[in-house]
Amino acid sequence: MSSFFLRQPNGKLARFSSFVDDFTMFDLTPEEAEALVLEELVEDAKRKAKEAVQRALDDVPPRMHGVKGTGLQRWQSALETVEAIHGKTKRKRRERLEFDPEDA
């Protein structure tokens, strides 16, 4: 839903929704408006985090929503990228789950 805040004639804030083409809230303080936006952003971030983790658990290949992998397809693809960019030695270290601080 697309919405925005605007100043009312009394100086307080209102929220207008372009989805319903009407006001959805009146008489908000700036702090209340900020809290609403923050709450929506947090909920959206939580939803996106759950989706990202679920894609990993389902082994969904990147940019292929709804397609399940073989179980370790994402892992193998990432290792192939490491090898192509950094070489076989680093790939072997990553396969052993080794990580050195200088690798960052």
N, C-alpha and C. Protein backbone atom coordinates (compact mmCIF):
# COMPACT_ATOMS: atom_id res chain seq x y z
N MET A 1 0.85 -1.17 0.00
CA MET A 1 0.00 0.00 0.00
C MET A 1 0.89 1.23 0.00
N SER A 2 0.61 2.16 -0.85
CA SER A 2 1.35 3.40 -0.93
C SER A 2 0.61 4.47 -0.14
N SER A 3 1.34 5.07 0.79
CA SER A 3 0.73 6.13 1.58
C SER A 3 1.78 7.17 1.90
N PHE A 4 1.32 8.31 2.36
CA PHE A 4 2.24 9.37 2.74
C PHE A 4 1.59 10.21 3.84
N PHE A 5 2.46 10.92 4.55
CA PHE A 5 2.00 11.82 5.61
C PHE A 5 1.93 13.23 5.06
N LEU A 6 1.02 14.01 5.62
CA LEU A 6 0.89 15.41 5.24
C LEU A 6 0.44 16.21 6.46
N ARG A 7 0.76 17.50 6.41
CA ARG A 7 0.39 18.36 7.53
C ARG A 7 -1.07 18.78 7.41
N GLN A 8 -1.80 18.63 8.50
CA GLN A 8 -3.19 19.05 8.56
C GLN A 8 -3.22 20.56 8.86
N PRO A 9 -4.35 21.22 8.64
CA PRO A 9 -4.45 22.65 8.96
C PRO A 9 -4.15 22.96 10.43
N ASN A 10 -4.38 22.00 11.34
CA ASN A 10 -4.12 22.24 12.76
C ASN A 10 -2.66 22.00 13.14
N GLY A 11 -1.80 21.66 12.15
CA GLY A 11 -0.38 21.46 12.41
C GLY A 11 0.01 20.02 12.67
N LYS A 12 -0.95 19.19 12.97
CA LYS A 12 -0.65 17.77 13.19
C LYS A 12 -0.53 17.07 11.83
N LEU A 13 -0.22 15.79 11.88
CA LEU A 13 -0.03 15.03 10.64
C LEU A 13 -1.19 14.07 10.38
N ALA A 14 -1.46 13.86 9.10
CA ALA A 14 -2.44 12.87 8.67
C ALA A 14 -1.74 11.92 7.71
N ARG A 15 -2.33 10.76 7.55
CA ARG A 15 -1.80 9.79 6.59
C ARG A 15 -2.83 9.59 5.50
N PHE A 16 -2.38 9.67 4.26
CA PHE A 16 -3.25 9.50 3.10
C PHE A 16 -2.81 8.27 2.34
N SER A 17 -3.77 7.42 1.98
CA SER A 17 -3.48 6.20 1.24
C SER A 17 -3.89 6.38 -0.21
N SER A 18 -2.95 6.14 -1.12
CA SER A 18 -3.30 6.18 -2.54
C SER A 18 -3.95 4.88 -2.98
N PHE A 19 -3.95 3.88 -2.10
CA PHE A 19 -4.61 2.61 -2.39
C PHE A 19 -6.13 2.76 -2.27
N VAL A 20 -6.56 3.40 -1.17
CA VAL A 20 -8.00 3.61 -0.96
C VAL A 20 -8.42 5.03 -1.32
N ASP A 21 -7.42 5.86 -1.69
CA ASP A 21 -7.67 7.26 -2.05
C ASP A 21 -8.45 8.00 -0.96
N ASP A 22 -7.97 7.84 0.27
CA ASP A 22 -8.63 8.49 1.40
C ASP A 22 -7.62 8.59 2.54
N PHE A 23 -7.97 9.40 3.53
CA PHE A 23 -7.16 9.49 4.74
C PHE A 23 -7.35 8.23 5.57
N THR A 24 -6.28 7.75 6.17
CA THR A 24 -6.37 6.57 7.02
C THR A 24 -6.05 6.88 8.48
N MET A 25 -5.45 8.04 8.73
CA MET A 25 -5.13 8.45 10.11
C MET A 25 -5.12 9.97 10.18
N PHE A 26 -5.50 10.48 11.34
CA PHE A 26 -5.49 11.93 11.58
C PHE A 26 -4.80 12.23 12.90
N ASP A 27 -4.44 13.49 13.08
CA ASP A 27 -3.95 14.05 14.34
C ASP A 27 -2.74 13.33 14.93
N LEU A 28 -1.80 12.97 14.09
CA LEU A 28 -0.59 12.30 14.55
C LEU A 28 0.48 13.34 14.89
N THR A 29 1.25 13.04 15.91
CA THR A 29 2.44 13.83 16.18
C THR A 29 3.56 13.31 15.27
N PRO A 30 4.62 14.09 15.08
CA PRO A 30 5.73 13.57 14.29
C PRO A 30 6.28 12.26 14.87
N GLU A 31 6.34 12.16 16.18
CA GLU A 31 6.84 10.95 16.82
C GLU A 31 5.94 9.75 16.54
N GLU A 32 4.63 9.95 16.56
CA GLU A 32 3.70 8.86 16.26
C GLU A 32 3.84 8.41 14.81
N ALA A 33 4.00 9.38 13.90
CA ALA A 33 4.16 9.04 12.49
C ALA A 33 5.46 8.25 12.28
N GLU A 34 6.54 8.70 12.92
CA GLU A 34 7.80 7.98 12.82
C GLU A 34 7.69 6.57 13.38
N ALA A 35 6.99 6.42 14.50
CA ALA A 35 6.81 5.10 15.10
C ALA A 35 6.04 4.18 14.17
N LEU A 36 5.03 4.71 13.48
CA LEU A 36 4.27 3.90 12.53
C LEU A 36 5.16 3.41 11.39
N VAL A 37 5.95 4.32 10.84
CA VAL A 37 6.83 3.95 9.74
C VAL A 37 7.85 2.92 10.22
N LEU A 38 8.43 3.15 11.39
CA LEU A 38 9.42 2.23 11.94
C LEU A 38 8.81 0.84 12.15
N GLU A 39 7.62 0.79 12.69
CA GLU A 39 6.94 -0.49 12.92
C GLU A 39 6.72 -1.24 11.61
N GLU A 40 6.30 -0.51 10.57
CA GLU A 40 6.09 -1.15 9.27
C GLU A 40 7.40 -1.64 8.68
N LEU A 41 8.46 -0.84 8.82
CA LEU A 41 9.77 -1.25 8.30
C LEU A 41 10.30 -2.48 9.03
N VAL A 42 10.11 -2.52 10.34
CA VAL A 42 10.56 -3.68 11.12
C VAL A 42 9.80 -4.93 10.70
N GLU A 43 8.49 -4.82 10.54
CA GLU A 43 7.70 -5.97 10.12
C GLU A 43 8.11 -6.43 8.73
N ASP A 44 8.37 -5.49 7.83
CA ASP A 44 8.81 -5.84 6.49
C ASP A 44 10.18 -6.52 6.53
N ALA A 45 11.08 -5.99 7.36
CA ALA A 45 12.42 -6.59 7.49
C ALA A 45 12.34 -8.00 8.06
N LYS A 46 11.47 -8.21 9.05
CA LYS A 46 11.29 -9.55 9.62
C LYS A 46 10.79 -10.53 8.56
N ARG A 47 9.83 -10.08 7.77
CA ARG A 47 9.27 -10.94 6.71
C ARG A 47 10.35 -11.29 5.69
N LYS A 48 11.13 -10.28 5.28
CA LYS A 48 12.19 -10.52 4.29
C LYS A 48 13.27 -11.44 4.85
N ALA A 49 13.59 -11.29 6.14
CA ALA A 49 14.60 -12.16 6.76
C ALA A 49 14.12 -13.60 6.77
N LYS A 50 12.87 -13.82 7.13
CA LYS A 50 12.31 -15.17 7.14
C LYS A 50 12.34 -15.78 5.75
N GLU A 51 11.97 -14.97 4.74
CA GLU A 51 11.97 -15.47 3.37
C GLU A 51 13.37 -15.84 2.92
N ALA A 52 14.36 -15.00 3.26
CA ALA A 52 15.75 -15.28 2.86
C ALA A 52 16.26 -16.56 3.49
N VAL A 53 15.96 -16.76 4.75
CA VAL A 53 16.40 -17.97 5.44
C VAL A 53 15.68 -19.18 4.87
N GLN A 54 14.39 -19.04 4.59
CA GLN A 54 13.64 -20.17 4.04
C GLN A 54 14.16 -20.56 2.66
N ARG A 55 14.54 -19.54 1.84
CA ARG A 55 15.12 -19.87 0.52
C ARG A 55 16.40 -20.68 0.68
N ALA A 56 17.19 -20.35 1.70
CA ALA A 56 18.42 -21.11 1.96
C ALA A 56 18.08 -22.53 2.39
N LEU A 57 17.11 -22.67 3.28
CA LEU A 57 16.72 -24.00 3.76
C LEU A 57 16.12 -24.85 2.65
N ASP A 58 15.39 -24.21 1.75
CA ASP A 58 14.79 -24.92 0.62
C ASP A 58 15.78 -25.09 -0.54
N ASP A 59 16.97 -24.49 -0.40
CA ASP A 59 18.01 -24.53 -1.42
C ASP A 59 17.51 -23.97 -2.74
N VAL A 60 16.76 -22.87 -2.67
CA VAL A 60 16.26 -22.22 -3.87
C VAL A 60 17.42 -21.49 -4.54
N PRO A 61 17.72 -21.81 -5.79
CA PRO A 61 18.81 -21.12 -6.47
C PRO A 61 18.54 -19.62 -6.54
N PRO A 62 19.58 -18.79 -6.41
CA PRO A 62 19.38 -17.34 -6.49
C PRO A 62 18.63 -16.94 -7.75
N ARG A 63 17.74 -15.99 -7.60
CA ARG A 63 16.94 -15.43 -8.69
C ARG A 63 16.03 -16.46 -9.37
N MET A 64 15.71 -17.54 -8.67
CA MET A 64 14.82 -18.56 -9.23
C MET A 64 13.76 -18.91 -8.18
N HIS A 65 12.96 -17.95 -7.81
CA HIS A 65 11.95 -18.14 -6.78
C HIS A 65 11.00 -19.27 -7.14
N GLY A 66 10.70 -20.09 -6.16
CA GLY A 66 9.76 -21.18 -6.34
C GLY A 66 10.38 -22.47 -6.85
N VAL A 67 11.68 -22.46 -7.15
CA VAL A 67 12.36 -23.66 -7.64
C VAL A 67 13.25 -24.18 -6.53
N LYS A 68 13.02 -25.39 -6.09
CA LYS A 68 13.86 -25.97 -5.05
C LYS A 68 15.10 -26.60 -5.66
N GLY A 69 16.19 -26.48 -4.94
CA GLY A 69 17.45 -27.05 -5.40
C GLY A 69 17.57 -28.51 -4.99
N THR A 70 18.78 -29.02 -5.11
CA THR A 70 19.05 -30.42 -4.84
C THR A 70 19.39 -30.68 -3.37
N GLY A 71 19.48 -29.65 -2.60
CA GLY A 71 19.84 -29.77 -1.19
C GLY A 71 21.09 -28.99 -0.86
N LEU A 72 22.06 -29.06 -1.73
CA LEU A 72 23.31 -28.30 -1.55
C LEU A 72 23.67 -27.53 -2.82
N GLN A 73 22.70 -27.27 -3.65
CA GLN A 73 22.96 -26.58 -4.91
C GLN A 73 23.53 -25.18 -4.70
N ARG A 74 22.97 -24.44 -3.76
CA ARG A 74 23.49 -23.09 -3.48
C ARG A 74 24.93 -23.16 -2.97
N TRP A 75 25.22 -24.13 -2.12
CA TRP A 75 26.56 -24.31 -1.57
C TRP A 75 27.55 -24.60 -2.71
N GLN A 76 27.20 -25.55 -3.58
CA GLN A 76 28.08 -25.90 -4.69
C GLN A 76 28.28 -24.71 -5.63
N SER A 77 27.24 -23.96 -5.89
CA SER A 77 27.33 -22.79 -6.77
C SER A 77 28.26 -21.74 -6.17
N ALA A 78 28.15 -21.52 -4.85
CA ALA A 78 29.02 -20.56 -4.19
C ALA A 78 30.48 -21.02 -4.24
N LEU A 79 30.72 -22.32 -4.04
CA LEU A 79 32.08 -22.84 -4.13
C LEU A 79 32.65 -22.68 -5.54
N GLU A 80 31.82 -22.89 -6.54
CA GLU A 80 32.27 -22.69 -7.92
C GLU A 80 32.66 -21.23 -8.16
N THR A 81 31.91 -20.31 -7.60
CA THR A 81 32.25 -18.90 -7.73
C THR A 81 33.57 -18.59 -7.04
N VAL A 82 33.75 -19.12 -5.83
CA VAL A 82 35.01 -18.92 -5.11
C VAL A 82 36.18 -19.42 -5.95
N GLU A 83 36.03 -20.60 -6.52
CA GLU A 83 37.11 -21.17 -7.33
C GLU A 83 37.39 -20.32 -8.56
N ALA A 84 36.35 -19.86 -9.22
CA ALA A 84 36.52 -19.06 -10.44
C ALA A 84 37.22 -17.73 -10.14
N ILE A 85 36.93 -17.16 -8.99
CA ILE A 85 37.50 -15.85 -8.66
C ILE A 85 38.83 -15.98 -7.91
N HIS A 86 38.92 -16.93 -6.99
CA HIS A 86 40.07 -17.00 -6.08
C HIS A 86 40.95 -18.23 -6.25
N GLY A 87 40.50 -19.18 -7.03
CA GLY A 87 41.32 -20.36 -7.28
C GLY A 87 40.92 -21.59 -6.46
N LYS A 88 41.51 -22.74 -6.86
CA LYS A 88 41.16 -24.02 -6.24
C LYS A 88 41.58 -24.12 -4.78
N THR A 89 42.71 -23.51 -4.44
CA THR A 89 43.20 -23.60 -3.06
C THR A 89 42.19 -22.99 -2.09
N LYS A 90 41.69 -21.81 -2.43
CA LYS A 90 40.71 -21.18 -1.54
C LYS A 90 39.41 -21.98 -1.53
N ARG A 91 39.02 -22.53 -2.67
CA ARG A 91 37.81 -23.36 -2.69
C ARG A 91 37.96 -24.52 -1.72
N LYS A 92 39.12 -25.19 -1.77
CA LYS A 92 39.34 -26.34 -0.89
C LYS A 92 39.25 -25.92 0.57
N ARG A 93 39.80 -24.74 0.91
CA ARG A 93 39.71 -24.26 2.29
C ARG A 93 38.25 -23.99 2.67
N ARG A 94 37.50 -23.43 1.75
CA ARG A 94 36.09 -23.16 2.04
C ARG A 94 35.29 -24.46 2.18
N GLU A 95 35.65 -25.46 1.42
CA GLU A 95 34.97 -26.75 1.55
C GLU A 95 35.20 -27.34 2.93
N ARG A 96 36.35 -27.02 3.52
CA ARG A 96 36.65 -27.49 4.89
C ARG A 96 36.14 -26.49 5.94
N LEU A 97 35.38 -25.48 5.48
CA LEU A 97 34.81 -24.44 6.34
C LEU A 97 35.89 -23.64 7.08
N GLU A 98 37.01 -23.43 6.42
CA GLU A 98 38.09 -22.64 6.99
C GLU A 98 37.93 -21.19 6.58
N PHE A 99 38.21 -20.31 7.53
CA PHE A 99 38.13 -18.87 7.24
C PHE A 99 39.21 -18.16 8.04
N ASP A 100 40.02 -17.40 7.36
CA ASP A 100 41.06 -16.62 8.01
C ASP A 100 40.65 -15.15 8.02
N PRO A 101 40.97 -14.41 9.07
CA PRO A 101 40.62 -12.98 9.12
C PRO A 101 41.11 -12.18 7.93
N GLU A 102 42.25 -12.53 7.38
CA GLU A 102 42.76 -11.78 6.22
C GLU A 102 41.95 -12.08 4.94
N ASP A 103 41.10 -13.08 4.99
CA ASP A 103 40.26 -13.41 3.84
C ASP A 103 39.10 -12.42 3.65
N ALA A 104 38.76 -11.71 4.71
CA ALA A 104 37.59 -10.84 4.67
C ALA A 104 37.74 -9.70 3.68
